[in-house]
């Protein structure tokens, strides 16, 4: 089980990092909302290794049998590896590759609110955003946010994969 988790976790981690880097560098001139869709799509695609890891364990290491609980456990452990890699990559991106990202994104968010909200509502939302600005410039919180995003998506994929792949022993 350990080898399957590590192998498919590393596959997922490499995939999520490559897709994120490709999205960041190839899509840097795209609108933030399109970049966000590309980012979430990359997360889901990379987390398909959860399904393949559970299936591999069931078929190749466990005689075609796997309980729902064990399948979920394998899926979550594979996801943890990918989530950790993505969180670290995000820190590297924000701190070293594109240190202006947070300021650029903040400016974009303010302009987006300004153009879409009435002035009174904009002032309220702007004050909320200002209060959160320092929090989101914290490297650890950025790591945690990206880690948790991948973890939640991976948990959902683990549940779905486990429901599909669970197979109990047949009584002959």
Protein backbone atom coordinates (compact mmCIF):
# COMPACT_ATOMS: atom_id res chain seq x y z
CA UNK A 1 0.00 0.00 0.00
CA UNK A 2 2.82 2.37 0.92
CA UNK A 3 4.51 2.02 -2.49
CA UNK A 4 1.24 2.71 -4.31
CA UNK A 5 0.56 5.81 -2.24
CA UNK A 6 4.06 7.18 -2.77
CA UNK A 7 4.13 6.35 -6.50
CA UNK A 8 0.72 7.82 -7.32
CA UNK A 9 1.21 10.70 -4.90
CA UNK A 10 4.43 11.65 -6.68
CA UNK A 11 2.71 11.31 -10.09
CA UNK A 12 -0.05 13.61 -8.85
CA UNK A 13 2.43 16.07 -7.32
CA UNK A 14 4.52 16.27 -10.50
CA UNK A 15 1.40 16.72 -12.62
CA UNK A 16 -0.10 19.45 -10.42
CA UNK A 17 3.22 21.33 -10.37
CA UNK A 18 3.78 21.06 -14.13
CA UNK A 19 0.22 22.14 -14.92
CA UNK A 20 0.40 25.03 -12.44
CA UNK A 21 3.69 26.25 -13.88
CA UNK A 22 2.37 25.93 -17.42
CA UNK A 23 -0.76 27.83 -16.44
CA UNK A 24 1.23 30.57 -14.71
CA UNK A 25 3.71 31.09 -17.54
CA UNK A 26 1.56 30.40 -20.59
CA UNK A 27 -1.53 32.09 -19.20
CA UNK A 28 0.05 35.15 -17.59
CA UNK A 29 -1.65 37.48 -20.06
CA UNK A 30 -5.07 35.90 -19.55
CA UNK A 31 -7.79 37.30 -17.32
CA UNK A 32 -7.59 36.18 -13.68
CA UNK A 33 -10.93 34.35 -13.93
CA UNK A 34 -9.64 32.28 -16.85
CA UNK A 35 -6.41 31.59 -14.97
CA UNK A 36 -8.50 30.43 -12.01
CA UNK A 37 -10.44 27.98 -14.19
CA UNK A 38 -7.17 26.68 -15.63
CA UNK A 39 -5.81 26.27 -12.09
CA UNK A 40 -8.79 24.30 -10.80
CA UNK A 41 -8.80 22.18 -13.95
CA UNK A 42 -5.12 21.38 -13.36
CA UNK A 43 -5.90 20.36 -9.79
CA UNK A 44 -8.68 18.01 -10.86
CA UNK A 45 -6.61 16.49 -13.68
CA UNK A 46 -3.64 15.88 -11.39
CA UNK A 47 -5.88 14.36 -8.74
CA UNK A 48 -7.14 11.74 -11.19
CA UNK A 49 -4.10 9.80 -9.99
CA UNK A 50 -6.14 9.21 -6.82
CA UNK A 51 -8.51 7.05 -8.86
CA UNK A 52 -5.68 5.24 -10.63
CA UNK A 53 -3.79 4.68 -7.38
CA UNK A 54 -6.81 3.14 -5.66
CA UNK A 55 -7.51 0.98 -8.72
CA UNK A 56 -3.87 -0.13 -8.91
CA UNK A 57 -3.85 -1.12 -5.25
CA UNK A 58 -7.14 -3.00 -5.57
CA UNK A 59 -6.23 -4.87 -8.76
CA UNK A 60 -2.47 -5.42 -8.45
CA UNK A 61 -1.75 -5.60 -4.72
CA UNK A 62 -4.97 -6.66 -3.01
CA UNK A 63 -6.42 -9.42 -5.21
CA UNK A 64 -9.17 -7.27 -6.70
CA UNK A 65 -10.66 -6.37 -3.31
CA UNK A 66 -10.79 -3.05 -1.50
CA UNK A 67 -13.08 -1.68 1.17
CA UNK A 68 -14.54 1.78 0.90
CA UNK A 69 -12.62 2.86 4.00
CA UNK A 70 -9.22 1.65 2.74
CA UNK A 71 -9.87 3.20 -0.68
CA UNK A 72 -10.66 6.58 0.92
CA UNK A 73 -7.51 6.32 3.06
CA UNK A 74 -5.34 5.62 0.02
CA UNK A 75 -6.97 8.48 -1.88
CA UNK A 76 -6.44 10.96 0.94
CA UNK A 77 -2.81 9.94 1.41
CA UNK A 78 -2.13 10.36 -2.33
CA UNK A 79 -3.87 13.75 -2.14
CA UNK A 80 -1.73 14.85 0.82
CA UNK A 81 1.42 14.42 -1.27
CA UNK A 82 -0.02 16.50 -4.12
CA UNK A 83 -1.39 19.14 -1.72
CA UNK A 84 1.97 19.48 0.01
CA UNK A 85 3.78 19.86 -3.31
CA UNK A 86 1.30 22.46 -4.55
CA UNK A 87 1.48 24.45 -1.32
CA UNK A 88 5.28 24.55 -1.50
CA UNK A 89 5.18 25.46 -5.20
CA UNK A 90 2.79 28.32 -4.43
CA UNK A 91 5.19 29.69 -1.82
CA UNK A 92 8.08 29.48 -4.31
CA UNK A 93 5.97 31.21 -6.96
CA UNK A 94 4.82 34.06 -4.71
CA UNK A 95 8.15 34.55 -2.96
CA UNK A 96 10.67 34.04 -5.78
CA UNK A 97 9.15 33.59 -9.25
CA UNK A 98 6.54 36.35 -9.16
CA UNK A 99 6.95 38.38 -5.96
CA UNK A 100 4.58 41.05 -7.33
CA UNK A 101 1.70 38.59 -7.70
CA UNK A 102 -0.10 39.48 -4.47
CA UNK A 103 0.04 43.23 -5.18
CA UNK A 104 -1.12 42.68 -8.78
CA UNK A 105 -3.96 40.42 -7.69
CA UNK A 106 -5.00 42.86 -4.97
CA UNK A 107 -5.12 45.72 -7.49
CA UNK A 108 -7.16 43.55 -9.84
CA UNK A 109 -9.61 42.63 -7.06
CA UNK A 110 -10.08 46.29 -6.09
CA UNK A 111 -10.70 47.33 -9.71
CA UNK A 112 -13.11 44.44 -10.19
CA UNK A 113 -15.09 45.50 -7.09
CA UNK A 114 -15.02 49.16 -8.10
CA UNK A 115 -16.48 48.42 -11.53
CA UNK A 116 -19.14 46.00 -10.31
CA UNK A 117 -20.42 47.48 -7.03
CA UNK A 118 -22.30 50.67 -6.16
CA UNK A 119 -20.02 53.23 -4.40
CA UNK A 120 -21.45 52.66 -0.90
CA UNK A 121 -21.14 48.88 -1.16
CA UNK A 122 -17.67 49.24 -2.68
CA UNK A 123 -16.48 51.20 0.37
CA UNK A 124 -17.69 48.44 2.71
CA UNK A 125 -16.10 45.65 0.66
CA UNK A 126 -12.91 47.66 0.20
CA UNK A 127 -12.52 48.06 3.97
CA UNK A 128 -13.02 44.29 4.38
CA UNK A 129 -10.42 43.63 1.70
CA UNK A 130 -7.97 46.04 3.34
CA UNK A 131 -8.42 44.21 6.65
CA UNK A 132 -7.61 40.90 4.95
CA UNK A 133 -4.71 42.23 2.87
CA UNK A 134 -2.01 41.64 5.45
CA UNK A 135 -3.36 38.20 6.28
CA UNK A 136 -3.14 37.07 2.65
CA UNK A 137 0.41 38.37 2.29
CA UNK A 138 1.44 35.84 4.96
CA UNK A 139 3.40 33.02 3.27
CA UNK A 140 2.15 30.37 5.71
CA UNK A 141 -1.50 31.33 5.11
CA UNK A 142 -0.96 31.17 1.35
CA UNK A 143 0.54 27.71 1.75
CA UNK A 144 -2.38 26.65 3.94
CA UNK A 145 -4.97 28.02 1.52
CA UNK A 146 -3.48 26.21 -1.49
CA UNK A 147 -2.87 23.03 0.53
CA UNK A 148 -6.47 22.98 1.78
CA UNK A 149 -7.89 23.71 -1.68
CA UNK A 150 -6.13 20.67 -3.14
CA UNK A 151 -6.99 18.60 -0.07
CA UNK A 152 -10.71 19.36 -0.34
CA UNK A 153 -10.84 18.61 -4.07
CA UNK A 154 -8.80 15.45 -3.49
CA UNK A 155 -11.10 14.35 -0.68
CA UNK A 156 -14.10 14.66 -2.98
CA UNK A 157 -12.30 12.72 -5.72
CA UNK A 158 -11.28 10.10 -3.13
CA UNK A 159 -14.89 9.63 -2.03
CA UNK A 160 -16.18 9.30 -5.59
CA UNK A 161 -13.32 6.97 -6.59
CA UNK A 162 -13.86 4.84 -3.49
CA UNK A 163 -17.56 4.48 -4.22
CA UNK A 164 -16.79 3.40 -7.78
CA UNK A 165 -13.85 1.10 -7.00
CA UNK A 166 -14.83 -0.58 -3.73
CA UNK A 167 -15.16 -4.33 -4.13
CA UNK A 168 -15.91 -6.79 -1.39
CA UNK A 169 -14.73 -10.40 -1.39
CA UNK A 170 -17.15 -12.82 -3.00
CA UNK A 171 -18.41 -15.70 -0.87
CA UNK A 172 -18.10 -18.92 -2.85
